[in-house]
Amino acid sequence: MNYSTALQSIDTLKALNFLELTPAQQGAYIHFPCPACQGKAVIKAYGDKKNLWYCPECKASGHIISLTMKLKGINYEEAKKLLEDKAFSNSAGKIEEELHLDYPLEYHDFLKNEGISSELCEAYGIGYCKKGIMNGHIALTVHDENGMKIAYVGINPKTRSLKIPKTFNPELYLYNYHRVNSDKEVYFTTNLLDCLRIIQKGNQSVCNFGLSYVSSEQFALLQNLEAISLFLEVDYIKEIAYQFATNSVNFHRFVKKI
């Protein structure tokens, strides 16, 4: 397991609890006492820069493995092994029962400005939510590979940050996978809004919920597709393209992100 994959595979909340740092989660971010100054440090639990932490008060920073090295007085390999034993991967497993919760979802100016039509939103179960855990977010209905409704994920229209429920493990699914025709080209992206815009243009697309890597479960799904085109932000291209190549996925081409 390489450095980047090791960081992504660690459950942030589990790790911080194990280190007795009294974490407090707010969406994709978790606050905890800075080990250098005891101020309020922050670490990201999902998506880009997962498990990298920063303290705005004393400017200390690092990642979850180096943090474990410092607090436990051990070397890198020992810290990584310890975290793998205590905080490896998201604790939520596959969802076995259909979600029967239906949020009232409204078409929002944010969606209009992103070039996503009200017709697409109605057909795909997307809209602004005013109640529940998705309150104040653009909620997207998520299905598993068989089309069973399993969760909602949210996009904050002000910050564009993602809201992932604790009971939903994004590593186990691909957004919109159940709708694609496996014999035709499918665009793979890490950005949910890009995914929707690609669909809006009449193309097929799946998304890995903003993760900066592709999990083994997601690769298992992608193996069923004949032609995959990568539509990625620059920061993700090298790592994910390497993952595609080493996993023998039918990678077709890069599509330039405008």
Protein backbone atom coordinates (compact mmCIF):
# COMPACT_ATOMS: atom_id res chain seq x y z
CA MET A 1 0.00 0.00 0.00
CA ASN A 2 1.52 3.33 -1.06
CA TYR A 3 1.62 6.52 1.01
CA SER A 4 -1.49 8.15 -0.52
CA THR A 5 -3.59 5.00 -0.33
CA ALA A 6 -2.52 4.41 3.28
CA LEU A 7 -3.77 7.86 4.29
CA GLN A 8 -7.07 7.44 2.45
CA SER A 9 -7.72 4.02 3.97
CA ILE A 10 -7.69 5.26 7.58
CA ASP A 11 -11.00 6.13 9.22
CA THR A 12 -10.28 9.64 10.54
CA LEU A 13 -12.78 9.66 13.39
CA LYS A 14 -11.71 6.23 14.61
CA ALA A 15 -8.05 7.28 14.52
CA LEU A 16 -8.60 10.50 16.48
CA ASN A 17 -10.70 8.68 19.08
CA PHE A 18 -7.97 6.06 19.40
CA LEU A 19 -5.43 8.85 19.95
CA GLU A 20 -7.74 10.31 22.65
CA LEU A 21 -7.97 13.69 20.91
CA THR A 22 -11.71 14.25 21.59
CA PRO A 23 -12.74 14.95 17.97
CA ALA A 24 -15.84 16.92 16.97
CA GLN A 25 -17.12 16.35 13.43
CA GLN A 26 -18.79 18.98 11.26
CA GLY A 27 -19.56 17.54 7.83
CA ALA A 28 -16.38 16.47 6.06
CA TYR A 29 -14.18 18.24 8.65
CA ILE A 30 -13.21 17.19 12.16
CA HIS A 31 -11.86 19.51 14.85
CA PHE A 32 -9.51 18.34 17.61
CA PRO A 33 -7.03 19.88 20.09
CA CYS A 34 -3.77 20.74 18.36
CA PRO A 35 -0.91 18.66 19.87
CA ALA A 36 1.43 21.66 19.52
CA CYS A 37 -0.60 24.52 21.02
CA GLN A 38 -3.91 22.97 22.17
CA GLY A 39 -5.80 25.29 19.82
CA LYS A 40 -8.52 24.01 17.49
CA ALA A 41 -6.89 22.02 14.70
CA VAL A 42 -8.86 20.68 11.74
CA ILE A 43 -8.57 17.54 9.65
CA LYS A 44 -10.54 16.43 6.60
CA ALA A 45 -12.31 13.08 6.78
CA TYR A 46 -13.43 12.72 3.15
CA GLY A 47 -12.32 13.59 -0.35
CA ASP A 48 -9.30 15.60 -1.42
CA LYS A 49 -6.63 16.00 1.28
CA LYS A 50 -8.26 13.43 3.55
CA ASN A 51 -6.39 12.88 6.83
CA LEU A 52 -4.22 15.98 6.44
CA TRP A 53 -4.49 18.33 9.43
CA TYR A 54 -3.73 21.99 10.08
CA CYS A 55 -3.86 24.31 13.05
CA PRO A 56 -4.77 27.91 12.08
CA GLU A 57 -3.45 29.21 15.43
CA CYS A 58 0.13 27.94 15.50
CA LYS A 59 0.35 26.86 11.81
CA ALA A 60 1.35 23.30 12.74
CA SER A 61 0.34 20.70 10.15
CA GLY A 62 0.85 17.10 9.13
CA HIS A 63 -1.05 13.91 8.40
CA ILE A 64 -2.72 11.31 10.59
CA ILE A 65 0.24 8.91 10.44
CA SER A 66 2.83 11.52 11.49
CA LEU A 67 0.41 12.66 14.20
CA THR A 68 0.31 9.10 15.53
CA MET A 69 4.12 8.89 15.36
CA LYS A 70 4.41 12.04 17.50
CA LEU A 71 1.80 11.09 20.10
CA LYS A 72 2.86 7.46 20.42
CA GLY A 73 6.60 7.94 19.99
CA ILE A 74 6.92 5.36 17.22
CA ASN A 75 8.25 5.28 13.64
CA TYR A 76 6.26 5.55 10.40
CA GLU A 77 5.76 1.83 9.73
CA GLU A 78 4.76 1.20 13.34
CA ALA A 79 2.27 4.08 13.25
CA LYS A 80 0.77 2.94 9.94
CA LYS A 81 0.40 -0.63 11.22
CA LEU A 82 -1.17 0.60 14.45
CA LEU A 83 -3.73 2.69 12.55
CA GLU A 84 -4.49 -0.16 10.16
CA ASP A 85 -5.29 -2.34 13.18
CA LYS A 86 -7.33 0.30 15.01
CA ALA A 87 -8.81 2.61 12.35
CA PHE A 88 -8.67 0.96 8.95
CA SER A 89 -11.28 2.05 6.38
CA ASN A 90 -14.76 3.44 6.88
CA SER A 91 -16.71 1.54 9.54
CA ALA A 92 -19.95 1.53 7.55
CA GLY A 93 -20.54 -1.56 5.43
CA LYS A 94 -22.78 -2.28 2.47
CA ILE A 95 -26.35 -1.11 2.92
CA GLU A 96 -28.69 -4.09 2.70
CA GLU A 97 -32.11 -2.43 3.01
CA GLU A 98 -33.73 0.16 0.78
CA LEU A 99 -34.01 3.70 2.13
CA HIS A 100 -37.66 4.74 2.37
CA LEU A 101 -36.94 8.30 3.48
CA ASP A 102 -38.07 10.92 0.95
CA TYR A 103 -36.87 14.48 1.45
CA PRO A 104 -38.84 17.32 -0.17
CA LEU A 105 -36.31 18.64 -2.70
CA GLU A 106 -36.53 22.02 -4.42
CA TYR A 107 -34.84 23.24 -7.58
CA HIS A 108 -32.25 25.83 -6.55
CA ASP A 109 -30.40 28.71 -8.22
CA PHE A 110 -27.14 26.95 -7.40
CA LEU A 111 -28.14 24.07 -9.69
CA LYS A 112 -29.27 26.45 -12.42
CA ASN A 113 -25.97 28.33 -12.27
CA GLU A 114 -24.11 25.01 -12.56
CA GLY A 115 -25.95 24.24 -15.79
CA ILE A 116 -28.10 21.47 -14.31
CA SER A 117 -31.73 21.54 -15.43
CA SER A 118 -34.83 21.13 -13.29
CA GLU A 119 -35.84 18.19 -15.49
CA LEU A 120 -32.64 16.31 -14.71
CA CYS A 121 -33.02 17.10 -11.01
CA GLU A 122 -36.57 15.78 -10.96
CA ALA A 123 -35.61 12.60 -12.81
CA TYR A 124 -32.55 11.91 -10.63
CA GLY A 125 -33.88 13.01 -7.23
CA ILE A 126 -31.75 16.13 -6.74
CA GLY A 127 -32.64 19.36 -5.01
CA TYR A 128 -32.25 21.76 -2.11
CA CYS A 129 -33.25 20.20 1.21
CA LYS A 130 -34.65 22.07 4.20
CA LYS A 131 -34.90 19.27 6.76
CA GLY A 132 -33.01 16.36 8.29
CA ILE A 133 -29.27 15.77 8.03
CA MET A 134 -29.26 17.29 4.51
CA ASN A 135 -30.76 20.56 5.72
CA GLY A 136 -29.20 23.49 3.84
CA HIS A 137 -27.60 21.24 1.23
CA ILE A 138 -28.22 20.19 -2.34
CA ALA A 139 -29.22 16.57 -1.75
CA LEU A 140 -28.53 13.85 -4.32
CA THR A 141 -30.31 10.51 -4.15
CA VAL A 142 -27.88 7.59 -4.21
CA HIS A 143 -28.58 4.05 -5.44
CA ASP A 144 -26.46 0.93 -5.32
CA GLU A 145 -25.36 -0.92 -8.46
CA ASN A 146 -28.70 -2.75 -8.58
CA GLY A 147 -30.76 0.44 -8.44
CA MET A 148 -31.84 0.22 -4.80
CA LYS A 149 -32.14 3.61 -3.11
CA ILE A 150 -29.66 3.61 -0.21
CA ALA A 151 -28.78 7.18 0.86
CA TYR A 152 -28.60 10.90 0.24
CA VAL A 153 -25.34 12.83 -0.06
CA GLY A 154 -25.21 16.60 0.06
CA ILE A 155 -23.37 19.53 -1.52
CA ASN A 156 -23.16 22.78 0.42
CA PRO A 157 -24.19 25.47 -2.10
CA LYS A 158 -22.00 28.08 -0.38
CA THR A 159 -18.77 26.15 0.15
CA ARG A 160 -19.28 23.24 -2.32
CA SER A 161 -18.13 20.86 0.42
CA LEU A 162 -19.69 17.40 0.53
CA LYS A 163 -21.87 16.03 3.31
CA ILE A 164 -21.58 12.24 3.64
CA PRO A 165 -23.79 10.47 6.22
CA LYS A 166 -21.89 8.36 8.74
CA THR A 167 -23.94 5.31 7.73
CA PHE A 168 -22.86 5.62 4.09
CA ASN A 169 -19.42 4.44 2.99
CA PRO A 170 -18.57 6.13 -0.34
CA GLU A 171 -15.81 3.59 -1.02
CA LEU A 172 -18.43 0.89 -1.71
CA TYR A 173 -20.40 2.64 -4.46
CA LEU A 174 -20.26 4.77 -7.59
CA TYR A 175 -22.82 7.50 -8.11
CA ASN A 176 -25.13 6.82 -11.10
CA TYR A 177 -23.58 3.41 -11.83
CA HIS A 178 -26.96 1.68 -11.93
CA ARG A 179 -28.08 3.80 -14.91
CA VAL A 180 -25.14 3.27 -17.28
CA ASN A 181 -25.02 1.00 -20.33
CA SER A 182 -21.81 -0.99 -19.85
CA ASP A 183 -21.31 -1.41 -23.62
CA LYS A 184 -20.96 2.34 -24.24
CA GLU A 185 -18.42 4.95 -23.16
CA VAL A 186 -18.70 6.05 -19.53
CA TYR A 187 -17.02 9.16 -18.12
CA PHE A 188 -15.41 8.65 -14.70
CA THR A 189 -15.07 11.74 -12.50
CA THR A 190 -14.41 12.56 -8.86
CA ASN A 191 -16.71 15.60 -8.91
CA LEU A 192 -20.47 15.13 -8.47
CA LEU A 193 -21.32 18.40 -10.23
CA ASP A 194 -19.12 17.45 -13.19
CA CYS A 195 -20.91 14.10 -13.28
CA LEU A 196 -24.29 15.81 -13.49
CA ARG A 197 -23.11 18.23 -16.19
CA ILE A 198 -21.79 15.33 -18.28
CA ILE A 199 -25.15 13.57 -17.96
CA GLN A 200 -26.87 16.85 -18.83
CA LYS A 201 -24.99 16.84 -22.15
CA GLY A 202 -26.34 13.39 -23.00
CA ASN A 203 -23.31 11.32 -22.01
CA GLN A 204 -22.90 8.57 -19.42
CA SER A 205 -21.00 9.30 -16.22
CA VAL A 206 -20.20 7.84 -12.80
CA CYS A 207 -18.57 9.50 -9.81
CA ASN A 208 -16.68 8.23 -6.75
CA PHE A 209 -18.15 10.85 -4.38
CA GLY A 210 -15.13 13.17 -4.32
CA LEU A 211 -12.58 10.61 -3.12
CA SER A 212 -9.06 11.32 -4.40
CA TYR A 213 -8.54 7.61 -5.08
CA VAL A 214 -10.53 4.65 -6.36
CA SER A 215 -11.30 1.87 -3.88
CA SER A 216 -11.06 -1.83 -4.69
CA GLU A 217 -14.86 -2.08 -4.53
CA GLN A 218 -15.23 0.75 -7.05
CA PHE A 219 -12.69 -0.90 -9.34
CA ALA A 220 -14.71 -4.12 -9.20
CA LEU A 221 -17.70 -2.19 -10.56
CA LEU A 222 -15.62 -0.41 -13.21
CA GLN A 223 -14.26 -3.71 -14.51
CA ASN A 224 -17.71 -4.34 -16.02
CA LEU A 225 -17.51 -1.27 -18.29
CA GLU A 226 -16.19 -1.53 -21.85
CA ALA A 227 -14.78 2.00 -22.25
CA ILE A 228 -13.97 4.48 -19.49
CA SER A 229 -12.87 8.05 -20.13
CA LEU A 230 -11.25 9.96 -17.27
CA PHE A 231 -12.65 13.43 -16.60
CA LEU A 232 -10.54 14.57 -13.65
CA GLU A 233 -9.19 17.61 -11.90
CA VAL A 234 -5.45 18.03 -12.35
CA ASP A 235 -4.62 17.07 -8.76
CA TYR A 236 -6.13 13.61 -9.25
CA ILE A 237 -4.96 12.66 -12.74
CA LYS A 238 -1.59 11.08 -11.97
CA GLU A 239 -2.66 8.97 -8.99
CA ILE A 240 -5.97 7.76 -10.42
CA ALA A 241 -4.58 7.10 -13.91
CA TYR A 242 -1.89 4.97 -12.28
CA GLN A 243 -4.54 3.08 -10.32
CA PHE A 244 -6.53 2.43 -13.51
CA ALA A 245 -3.43 1.17 -15.31
CA THR A 246 -2.33 -1.16 -12.51
CA ASN A 247 -5.85 -2.54 -12.07
CA SER A 248 -6.23 -3.40 -15.78
CA VAL A 249 -9.37 -1.32 -16.22
CA ASN A 250 -10.47 -0.51 -19.78
CA PHE A 251 -9.24 3.07 -19.60
CA HIS A 252 -10.14 4.73 -22.89
CA ARG A 253 -8.92 8.35 -22.89
CA PHE A 254 -8.49 11.55 -20.93
CA VAL A 255 -11.12 14.22 -21.44
CA LYS A 256 -9.83 17.71 -20.74
CA LYS A 257 -11.60 19.48 -17.89
CA ILE A 258 -12.53 22.96 -19.04
